[in-house]
C-alpha atoms as a PDB file:
ATOM      1  CA  UNK A   1       2.078 -15.262   6.094  1.00  0.00           C
ATOM      2  CA  UNK A   2       4.107 -12.820   7.047  1.00  0.00           C
ATOM      3  CA  UNK A   3       3.724  -9.078   6.656  1.00  0.00           C
ATOM      4  CA  UNK A   4       6.578  -8.965   4.835  1.00  0.00           C
ATOM      5  CA  UNK A   5       6.220 -12.480   2.855  1.00  0.00           C
ATOM      6  CA  UNK A   6       3.253 -10.764   1.957  1.00  0.00           C
ATOM      7  CA  UNK A   7       4.297  -7.522   0.650  1.00  0.00           C
ATOM      8  CA  UNK A   8       6.693  -9.623  -1.407  1.00  0.00           C
ATOM      9  CA  UNK A   9       3.388 -11.230  -2.719  1.00  0.00           C
ATOM     10  CA  UNK A  10       1.485  -8.939  -3.760  1.00  0.00           C
ATOM     11  CA  UNK A  11       4.622  -6.976  -5.806  1.00  0.00           C
ATOM     12  CA  UNK A  12       5.232 -10.053  -7.430  1.00  0.00           C
ATOM     13  CA  UNK A  13       2.007 -10.439  -8.790  1.00  0.00           C
ATOM     14  CA  UNK A  14       0.066  -7.298  -9.239  1.00  0.00           C
ATOM     15  CA  UNK A  15       1.032  -3.149  -9.568  1.00  0.00           C
ATOM     16  CA  UNK A  16      -1.315  -1.940  -6.507  1.00  0.00           C
ATOM     17  CA  UNK A  17       1.568  -1.362  -4.302  1.00  0.00           C
ATOM     18  CA  UNK A  18       3.691   0.122  -6.550  1.00  0.00           C
ATOM     19  CA  UNK A  19       0.902   2.646  -8.315  1.00  0.00           C
ATOM     20  CA  UNK A  20      -0.118   3.484  -4.626  1.00  0.00           C
ATOM     21  CA  UNK A  21       3.938   4.218  -3.650  1.00  0.00           C
ATOM     22  CA  UNK A  22       4.014   6.572  -7.379  1.00  0.00           C
ATOM     23  CA  UNK A  23       0.766   8.510  -6.204  1.00  0.00           C
ATOM     24  CA  UNK A  24       1.892   8.906  -2.138  1.00  0.00           C
ATOM     25  CA  UNK A  25       4.921   9.930  -3.367  1.00  0.00           C
ATOM     26  CA  UNK A  26       3.719  12.715  -6.494  1.00  0.00           C
ATOM     27  CA  UNK A  27       0.912  13.416  -3.553  1.00  0.00           C
ATOM     28  CA  UNK A  28       3.652  14.424  -0.878  1.00  0.00           C
ATOM     29  CA  UNK A  29       5.953  16.232  -3.564  1.00  0.00           C
ATOM     30  CA  UNK A  30       2.462  18.651  -4.853  1.00  0.00           C
ATOM     31  CA  UNK A  31       1.687  18.602  -1.009  1.00  0.00           C
ATOM     32  CA  UNK A  32       5.122  19.931  -0.464  1.00  0.00           C
ATOM     33  CA  UNK A  33       4.546  22.564  -3.817  1.00  0.00           C
ATOM     34  CA  UNK A  34       2.101  24.480  -1.689  1.00  0.00           C
ATOM     35  CA  UNK A  35       4.468  24.857   1.382  1.00  0.00           C
ATOM     36  CA  UNK A  36       5.967  28.321   1.320  1.00  0.00           C
ATOM     37  CA  UNK A  37       9.673  28.373   0.709  1.00  0.00           C
ATOM     38  CA  UNK A  38      10.666  28.862   4.277  1.00  0.00           C
ATOM     39  CA  UNK A  39       8.195  25.819   5.146  1.00  0.00           C
ATOM     40  CA  UNK A  40       9.165  23.183   2.607  1.00  0.00           C
ATOM     41  CA  UNK A  41      10.600  19.952   3.412  1.00  0.00           C
ATOM     42  CA  UNK A  42      13.551  18.154   1.680  1.00  0.00           C
ATOM     43  CA  UNK A  43      13.152  15.308  -0.654  1.00  0.00           C
ATOM     44  CA  UNK A  44      14.300  12.632   2.053  1.00  0.00           C
ATOM     45  CA  UNK A  45      11.480  13.903   4.165  1.00  0.00           C
ATOM     46  CA  UNK A  46       9.138  14.045   1.501  1.00  0.00           C
ATOM     47  CA  UNK A  47       9.976  11.000   0.361  1.00  0.00           C
ATOM     48  CA  UNK A  48       9.561   9.086   4.245  1.00  0.00           C
ATOM     49  CA  UNK A  49       6.068  10.685   4.582  1.00  0.00           C
ATOM     50  CA  UNK A  50       5.323   8.632   1.019  1.00  0.00           C
ATOM     51  CA  UNK A  51       6.636   5.671   2.611  1.00  0.00           C
ATOM     52  CA  UNK A  52       4.669   6.097   6.304  1.00  0.00           C
ATOM     53  CA  UNK A  53       1.519   6.606   3.865  1.00  0.00           C
ATOM     54  CA  UNK A  54       2.913   3.420   1.995  1.00  0.00           C
ATOM     55  CA  UNK A  55       3.524   1.248   4.923  1.00  0.00           C
ATOM     56  CA  UNK A  56       0.252   2.353   6.713  1.00  0.00           C
ATOM     57  CA  UNK A  57      -1.922   1.253   3.283  1.00  0.00           C
ATOM     58  CA  UNK A  58      -0.147  -2.147   3.216  1.00  0.00           C
ATOM     59  CA  UNK A  59      -0.861  -2.677   6.956  1.00  0.00           C
ATOM     60  CA  UNK A  60      -4.211  -2.046   6.924  1.00  0.00           C
ATOM     61  CA  UNK A  61      -4.939  -4.343   3.661  1.00  0.00           C
ATOM     62  CA  UNK A  62      -2.929  -7.523   5.986  1.00  0.00           C
ATOM     63  CA  UNK A  63      -4.482  -6.196   9.064  1.00  0.00           C
ATOM     64  CA  UNK A  64      -8.012  -6.727   7.576  1.00  0.00           C
ATOM     65  CA  UNK A  65      -6.984  -9.818   5.630  1.00  0.00           C
ATOM     66  CA  UNK A  66      -5.013 -11.240   8.925  1.00  0.00           C
ATOM     67  CA  UNK A  67      -8.840 -11.204  10.601  1.00  0.00           C
ATOM     68  CA  UNK A  68     -10.537 -12.768   7.967  1.00  0.00           C
ATOM     69  CA  UNK A  69      -7.997 -15.764   7.207  1.00  0.00           C
ATOM     70  CA  UNK A  70      -8.764 -18.742   9.875  1.00  0.00           C
ATOM     71  CA  UNK A  71      -4.596 -20.342   9.279  1.00  0.00           C
ATOM     72  CA  UNK A  72      -3.447 -17.225   9.796  1.00  0.00           C
ATOM     73  CA  UNK A  73       0.479 -18.360   9.500  1.00  0.00           C
ATOM     74  CA  UNK A  74      -0.764 -21.203   6.130  1.00  0.00           C
ATOM     75  CA  UNK A  75       0.647 -19.721   2.933  1.00  0.00           C
ATOM     76  CA  UNK A  76      -1.739 -21.830   0.868  1.00  0.00           C
ATOM     77  CA  UNK A  77      -4.701 -20.355   2.792  1.00  0.00           C
ATOM     78  CA  UNK A  78      -3.987 -17.103   2.290  1.00  0.00           C
ATOM     79  CA  UNK A  79      -3.146 -17.962  -1.276  1.00  0.00           C
ATOM     80  CA  UNK A  80      -6.862 -19.769  -1.347  1.00  0.00           C
ATOM     81  CA  UNK A  81      -8.672 -16.501   0.288  1.00  0.00           C
ATOM     82  CA  UNK A  82      -6.816 -14.225  -2.299  1.00  0.00           C
ATOM     83  CA  UNK A  83      -7.821 -16.327  -4.998  1.00  0.00           C
ATOM     84  CA  UNK A  84     -11.280 -16.731  -4.382  1.00  0.00           C
ATOM     85  CA  UNK A  85     -12.352 -13.379  -3.082  1.00  0.00           C
ATOM     86  CA  UNK A  86     -10.256 -11.485  -6.464  1.00  0.00           C
ATOM     87  CA  UNK A  87      -8.354  -9.497  -3.665  1.00  0.00           C
ATOM     88  CA  UNK A  88      -5.483  -8.591  -6.708  1.00  0.00           C
ATOM     89  CA  UNK A  89      -7.929  -7.010  -9.112  1.00  0.00           C
ATOM     90  CA  UNK A  90     -10.044  -5.553  -6.409  1.00  0.00           C
ATOM     91  CA  UNK A  91      -6.943  -3.513  -4.501  1.00  0.00           C
ATOM     92  CA  UNK A  92      -5.767  -2.954  -8.209  1.00  0.00           C
ATOM     93  CA  UNK A  93      -9.255  -1.318  -8.750  1.00  0.00           C
ATOM     94  CA  UNK A  94      -9.357   0.403  -5.410  1.00  0.00           C
ATOM     95  CA  UNK A  95      -5.935   1.900  -5.866  1.00  0.00           C
ATOM     96  CA  UNK A  96      -6.821   3.698  -9.156  1.00  0.00           C
ATOM     97  CA  UNK A  97     -10.078   5.094  -7.007  1.00  0.00           C
ATOM     98  CA  UNK A  98      -8.232   6.820  -4.111  1.00  0.00           C
ATOM     99  CA  UNK A  99      -8.597  10.121  -3.564  1.00  0.00           C
ATOM    100  CA  UNK A 100      -5.490  12.128  -1.425  1.00  0.00           C
ATOM    101  CA  UNK A 101      -6.756  15.028   0.761  1.00  0.00           C
END
């Protein structure tokens, strides 16, 4: 499974990525509000910063799983691993616990 396929699968089967994306955008917007008026970013730059956080989060998950799954290109091997270790539920829980600094 490649990264894009993995992202699509996660988005179809759990809300962790969506929740992370919302929280990252809120974090970046709040961080932006704390900047001096002259140093504030426009909305597009805030969105890009949140998107970068999302991509880093997704890449981290994908990379860890990819190293743990023996047949990296077999979709069923990915699905079996995700189910065996309750990844979707654990991912949902971990997103709720994330504290941005």
